[in-house]
């Protein structure tokens, strides 16, 4: 499973990953929260790309750095999609690891 692979990779690299919400193992969308160098939250989502594969795409960019807005966005998404996975990564450049595991790179 992709989520388990991501959590193991982050742990192996000396970081911490937490699954904040478990979604459907087959059809669940995946949101990844990663802080930037200033510890401001950013959100990314695994989405299909034009080549037929998957990539990690920034979402809710206007909310980046505002914890309350990020939380509200996640709550709205979870209410609309109970199959949604939400994972928080605490490691520098966490989106790089997430893209390597969740994308088709």
N, C-alpha and C. Protein backbone atom coordinates (compact mmCIF):
# COMPACT_ATOMS: atom_id res chain seq x y z
N UNK A 1 0.84 -1.19 0.00
CA UNK A 1 0.00 0.00 0.00
C UNK A 1 0.88 1.25 0.00
N UNK A 2 0.45 2.24 -0.73
CA UNK A 2 1.23 3.47 -0.89
C UNK A 2 1.46 4.21 0.42
N UNK A 3 0.44 4.28 1.25
CA UNK A 3 0.56 5.03 2.51
C UNK A 3 1.60 4.38 3.41
N UNK A 4 1.55 3.06 3.54
CA UNK A 4 2.53 2.36 4.37
C UNK A 4 3.94 2.55 3.83
N UNK A 5 4.10 2.52 2.52
CA UNK A 5 5.41 2.73 1.92
C UNK A 5 5.92 4.13 2.22
N UNK A 6 5.04 5.13 2.15
CA UNK A 6 5.43 6.51 2.44
C UNK A 6 5.84 6.65 3.90
N UNK A 7 5.07 6.10 4.81
CA UNK A 7 5.39 6.19 6.25
C UNK A 7 6.73 5.51 6.53
N UNK A 8 6.96 4.34 5.95
CA UNK A 8 8.24 3.64 6.16
C UNK A 8 9.41 4.44 5.60
N UNK A 9 9.24 5.03 4.42
CA UNK A 9 10.32 5.80 3.80
C UNK A 9 10.68 7.02 4.64
N UNK A 10 9.67 7.73 5.12
CA UNK A 10 9.91 8.92 5.95
C UNK A 10 10.62 8.51 7.23
N UNK A 11 10.20 7.43 7.85
CA UNK A 11 10.84 6.93 9.07
C UNK A 11 12.29 6.54 8.79
N UNK A 12 12.53 5.85 7.69
CA UNK A 12 13.89 5.42 7.34
C UNK A 12 14.81 6.61 7.09
N UNK A 13 14.24 7.74 6.66
CA UNK A 13 15.03 8.94 6.40
C UNK A 13 15.18 9.82 7.65
N UNK A 14 14.66 9.35 8.79
CA UNK A 14 14.80 10.08 10.05
C UNK A 14 13.69 11.06 10.35
N UNK A 15 12.62 11.02 9.58
CA UNK A 15 11.49 11.91 9.80
C UNK A 15 10.35 11.20 10.50
N UNK A 16 9.23 11.86 10.57
CA UNK A 16 8.04 11.32 11.21
C UNK A 16 6.86 11.51 10.28
N UNK A 17 6.05 10.48 10.16
CA UNK A 17 4.83 10.54 9.35
C UNK A 17 3.66 10.05 10.19
N UNK A 18 2.55 10.77 10.11
CA UNK A 18 1.35 10.38 10.85
C UNK A 18 0.17 10.31 9.89
N UNK A 19 -0.57 9.23 9.97
CA UNK A 19 -1.81 9.11 9.20
C UNK A 19 -2.90 9.75 10.04
N UNK A 20 -3.39 10.91 9.60
CA UNK A 20 -4.39 11.65 10.35
C UNK A 20 -5.80 11.15 10.07
N UNK A 21 -6.01 10.58 8.90
CA UNK A 21 -7.31 10.01 8.55
C UNK A 21 -7.09 8.86 7.58
N UNK A 22 -7.66 7.71 7.93
CA UNK A 22 -7.55 6.54 7.06
C UNK A 22 -8.71 6.53 6.07
N UNK A 23 -8.37 6.38 4.82
CA UNK A 23 -9.39 6.32 3.78
C UNK A 23 -9.52 4.91 3.24
N UNK A 24 -10.17 4.80 2.12
CA UNK A 24 -10.34 3.52 1.46
C UNK A 24 -9.03 3.10 0.81
N UNK A 25 -8.63 1.86 1.03
CA UNK A 25 -7.33 1.40 0.54
C UNK A 25 -7.27 1.28 -0.99
N UNK A 26 -8.40 1.23 -1.64
CA UNK A 26 -8.40 1.10 -3.10
C UNK A 26 -8.73 2.41 -3.79
N UNK A 27 -9.78 3.07 -3.35
CA UNK A 27 -10.26 4.24 -4.10
C UNK A 27 -10.04 5.57 -3.40
N UNK A 28 -9.40 5.58 -2.25
CA UNK A 28 -9.25 6.82 -1.51
C UNK A 28 -8.24 7.78 -2.11
N UNK A 29 -8.63 9.06 -2.22
CA UNK A 29 -7.69 10.11 -2.61
C UNK A 29 -6.71 10.31 -1.46
N UNK A 30 -5.56 10.93 -1.75
CA UNK A 30 -4.52 11.10 -0.73
C UNK A 30 -4.11 12.56 -0.65
N UNK A 31 -4.27 13.16 0.55
CA UNK A 31 -3.78 14.50 0.85
C UNK A 31 -2.55 14.37 1.72
N UNK A 32 -1.52 15.14 1.42
CA UNK A 32 -0.27 15.11 2.19
C UNK A 32 0.01 16.52 2.70
N UNK A 33 0.19 16.64 4.00
CA UNK A 33 0.55 17.92 4.62
C UNK A 33 2.05 17.89 4.92
N UNK A 34 2.76 18.90 4.42
CA UNK A 34 4.21 19.00 4.61
C UNK A 34 4.56 20.43 5.00
N UNK A 35 5.27 20.63 6.10
CA UNK A 35 5.71 21.99 6.42
C UNK A 35 6.86 22.41 5.51
N UNK A 36 6.96 23.72 5.25
CA UNK A 36 8.11 24.21 4.50
C UNK A 36 9.25 24.50 5.47
N UNK A 37 10.31 25.12 5.00
CA UNK A 37 11.49 25.39 5.84
C UNK A 37 11.16 26.29 7.03
N UNK A 38 10.11 27.11 6.90
CA UNK A 38 9.69 28.00 7.99
C UNK A 38 8.61 27.37 8.86
N UNK A 39 8.36 26.07 8.67
CA UNK A 39 7.38 25.29 9.43
C UNK A 39 5.94 25.70 9.12
N UNK A 40 5.71 26.32 7.97
CA UNK A 40 4.36 26.67 7.54
C UNK A 40 3.77 25.51 6.76
N UNK A 41 2.54 25.15 7.09
CA UNK A 41 1.90 24.00 6.45
C UNK A 41 1.62 24.24 4.98
N UNK A 42 1.79 23.17 4.22
CA UNK A 42 1.46 23.14 2.79
C UNK A 42 0.73 21.84 2.52
N UNK A 43 -0.16 21.85 1.54
CA UNK A 43 -0.92 20.65 1.19
C UNK A 43 -0.66 20.24 -0.26
N UNK A 44 -0.59 18.93 -0.44
CA UNK A 44 -0.43 18.35 -1.77
C UNK A 44 -1.42 17.20 -1.90
N UNK A 45 -1.84 16.93 -3.13
CA UNK A 45 -2.76 15.82 -3.35
C UNK A 45 -2.27 14.97 -4.51
N UNK A 46 -2.41 13.68 -4.35
CA UNK A 46 -2.09 12.75 -5.43
C UNK A 46 -3.23 12.79 -6.43
N UNK A 47 -2.89 13.17 -7.66
CA UNK A 47 -3.92 13.30 -8.70
C UNK A 47 -3.44 12.67 -10.00
N UNK A 48 -4.40 12.23 -10.83
CA UNK A 48 -4.02 11.72 -12.15
C UNK A 48 -3.41 12.85 -12.98
N UNK A 49 -2.43 12.48 -13.81
CA UNK A 49 -1.84 13.49 -14.70
C UNK A 49 -2.22 13.17 -16.15
N UNK A 50 -1.77 14.01 -17.06
CA UNK A 50 -2.16 13.88 -18.46
C UNK A 50 -1.55 12.66 -19.14
N UNK A 51 -0.52 12.08 -18.55
CA UNK A 51 0.11 10.92 -19.17
C UNK A 51 -0.56 9.61 -18.77
N UNK A 52 -1.60 9.71 -17.93
CA UNK A 52 -2.29 8.51 -17.47
C UNK A 52 -1.75 7.98 -16.16
N UNK A 53 -0.74 8.62 -15.61
CA UNK A 53 -0.17 8.22 -14.33
C UNK A 53 -0.68 9.12 -13.21
N UNK A 54 0.14 9.26 -12.18
CA UNK A 54 -0.22 10.09 -11.03
C UNK A 54 0.93 11.01 -10.69
N UNK A 55 0.58 12.14 -10.11
CA UNK A 55 1.57 13.10 -9.64
C UNK A 55 1.09 13.75 -8.36
N UNK A 56 1.98 14.46 -7.70
CA UNK A 56 1.65 15.18 -6.48
C UNK A 56 1.46 16.65 -6.85
N UNK A 57 0.27 17.18 -6.57
CA UNK A 57 -0.11 18.51 -7.01
C UNK A 57 -0.39 19.39 -5.79
N UNK A 58 0.13 20.63 -5.76
CA UNK A 58 -0.19 21.54 -4.65
C UNK A 58 -1.68 21.88 -4.66
N UNK A 59 -2.30 21.90 -3.49
CA UNK A 59 -3.71 22.29 -3.36
C UNK A 59 -3.86 23.31 -2.24
N UNK A 60 -4.94 24.07 -2.28
CA UNK A 60 -5.28 25.08 -1.26
C UNK A 60 -4.11 26.03 -1.01
N UNK A 61 -3.45 26.45 -2.07
CA UNK A 61 -2.25 27.30 -1.93
C UNK A 61 -2.53 28.59 -1.18
N UNK A 62 -3.72 29.15 -1.33
CA UNK A 62 -4.03 30.40 -0.64
C UNK A 62 -4.09 30.21 0.88
N UNK A 63 -4.19 28.97 1.33
CA UNK A 63 -4.25 28.67 2.76
C UNK A 63 -2.91 28.27 3.35
N UNK A 64 -1.91 28.08 2.52
CA UNK A 64 -0.61 27.63 3.03
C UNK A 64 -0.11 28.56 4.11
N UNK A 65 0.35 27.99 5.20
CA UNK A 65 0.88 28.76 6.32
C UNK A 65 -0.16 29.12 7.36
N UNK A 66 -1.43 28.96 7.05
CA UNK A 66 -2.50 29.27 8.00
C UNK A 66 -3.11 27.95 8.48
N UNK A 67 -2.73 27.55 9.69
CA UNK A 67 -3.15 26.24 10.22
C UNK A 67 -4.67 26.09 10.26
N UNK A 68 -5.38 27.16 10.65
CA UNK A 68 -6.84 27.07 10.74
C UNK A 68 -7.46 26.84 9.36
N UNK A 69 -6.98 27.55 8.36
CA UNK A 69 -7.51 27.37 7.01
C UNK A 69 -7.16 26.00 6.45
N UNK A 70 -5.97 25.53 6.74
CA UNK A 70 -5.57 24.19 6.29
C UNK A 70 -6.48 23.14 6.93
N UNK A 71 -6.70 23.28 8.23
CA UNK A 71 -7.57 22.34 8.94
C UNK A 71 -8.98 22.38 8.38
N UNK A 72 -9.50 23.59 8.14
CA UNK A 72 -10.84 23.72 7.56
C UNK A 72 -10.92 23.04 6.20
N UNK A 73 -9.90 23.22 5.37
CA UNK A 73 -9.87 22.59 4.05
C UNK A 73 -9.92 21.07 4.18
N UNK A 74 -9.10 20.53 5.09
CA UNK A 74 -9.07 19.08 5.28
C UNK A 74 -10.43 18.57 5.77
N UNK A 75 -11.04 19.28 6.71
CA UNK A 75 -12.36 18.87 7.22
C UNK A 75 -13.40 18.89 6.10
N UNK A 76 -13.39 19.94 5.29
CA UNK A 76 -14.34 20.00 4.16
C UNK A 76 -14.13 18.84 3.19
N UNK A 77 -12.89 18.56 2.89
CA UNK A 77 -12.58 17.45 1.98
C UNK A 77 -13.01 16.11 2.57
N UNK A 78 -12.75 15.92 3.87
CA UNK A 78 -13.15 14.66 4.51
C UNK A 78 -14.67 14.51 4.53
N UNK A 79 -15.38 15.61 4.77
CA UNK A 79 -16.84 15.55 4.76
C UNK A 79 -17.37 15.21 3.37
N UNK A 80 -16.72 15.72 2.34
CA UNK A 80 -17.15 15.44 0.97
C UNK A 80 -16.69 14.07 0.48
N UNK A 81 -15.59 13.57 1.04
CA UNK A 81 -15.00 12.31 0.58
C UNK A 81 -14.51 11.50 1.78
N UNK A 82 -15.37 10.66 2.36
CA UNK A 82 -14.95 9.88 3.53
C UNK A 82 -13.87 8.85 3.23
N UNK A 83 -13.59 8.60 1.94
CA UNK A 83 -12.53 7.66 1.55
C UNK A 83 -11.16 8.31 1.53
N UNK A 84 -11.09 9.61 1.82
CA UNK A 84 -9.86 10.39 1.74
C UNK A 84 -8.84 9.97 2.80
N UNK A 85 -7.59 9.83 2.37
CA UNK A 85 -6.46 9.64 3.28
C UNK A 85 -5.83 11.00 3.54
N UNK A 86 -5.43 11.26 4.79
CA UNK A 86 -4.70 12.48 5.13
C UNK A 86 -3.45 12.06 5.89
N UNK A 87 -2.29 12.44 5.35
CA UNK A 87 -1.00 12.07 5.94
C UNK A 87 -0.20 13.34 6.20
N UNK A 88 0.39 13.43 7.37
CA UNK A 88 1.25 14.57 7.70
C UNK A 88 2.70 14.09 7.77
N UNK A 89 3.59 14.79 7.09
CA UNK A 89 5.00 14.44 7.06
C UNK A 89 5.81 15.50 7.78
N UNK A 90 6.66 15.06 8.69
CA UNK A 90 7.54 15.99 9.40
C UNK A 90 8.98 15.62 9.05
N UNK A 91 9.42 16.15 7.93
CA UNK A 91 10.77 15.91 7.43
C UNK A 91 11.05 17.02 6.41
N UNK A 92 12.26 17.54 6.37
CA UNK A 92 12.55 18.56 5.36
C UNK A 92 12.26 18.05 3.94
N UNK A 93 11.66 18.89 3.14
CA UNK A 93 11.31 18.55 1.75
C UNK A 93 10.44 17.30 1.66
N UNK A 94 9.48 17.19 2.56
CA UNK A 94 8.61 16.02 2.60
C UNK A 94 7.88 15.75 1.30
N UNK A 95 7.57 16.83 0.57
CA UNK A 95 6.85 16.62 -0.70
C UNK A 95 7.70 15.86 -1.71
N UNK A 96 9.01 15.96 -1.59
CA UNK A 96 9.90 15.21 -2.49
C UNK A 96 9.75 13.71 -2.27
N UNK A 97 9.71 13.30 -1.00
CA UNK A 97 9.52 11.88 -0.68
C UNK A 97 8.12 11.42 -1.09
N UNK A 98 7.12 12.27 -0.81
CA UNK A 98 5.75 11.92 -1.17
C UNK A 98 5.61 11.75 -2.69
N UNK A 99 6.22 12.65 -3.45
CA UNK A 99 6.15 12.56 -4.91
C UNK A 99 6.82 11.29 -5.41
N UNK A 100 7.92 10.90 -4.78
CA UNK A 100 8.64 9.70 -5.21
C UNK A 100 7.81 8.44 -4.97
N UNK A 101 7.07 8.41 -3.87
CA UNK A 101 6.28 7.22 -3.52
C UNK A 101 4.91 7.26 -4.20
N UNK A 102 4.25 8.41 -4.17
CA UNK A 102 2.86 8.50 -4.63
C UNK A 102 2.73 8.81 -6.11
N UNK A 103 3.77 9.36 -6.71
CA UNK A 103 3.72 9.68 -8.13
C UNK A 103 4.25 8.53 -8.96
N UNK A 104 4.38 8.78 -10.22
CA UNK A 104 4.88 7.75 -11.14
C UNK A 104 6.33 7.99 -11.54
N UNK A 105 7.04 8.82 -10.79
CA UNK A 105 8.43 9.15 -11.14
C UNK A 105 9.36 7.99 -10.92
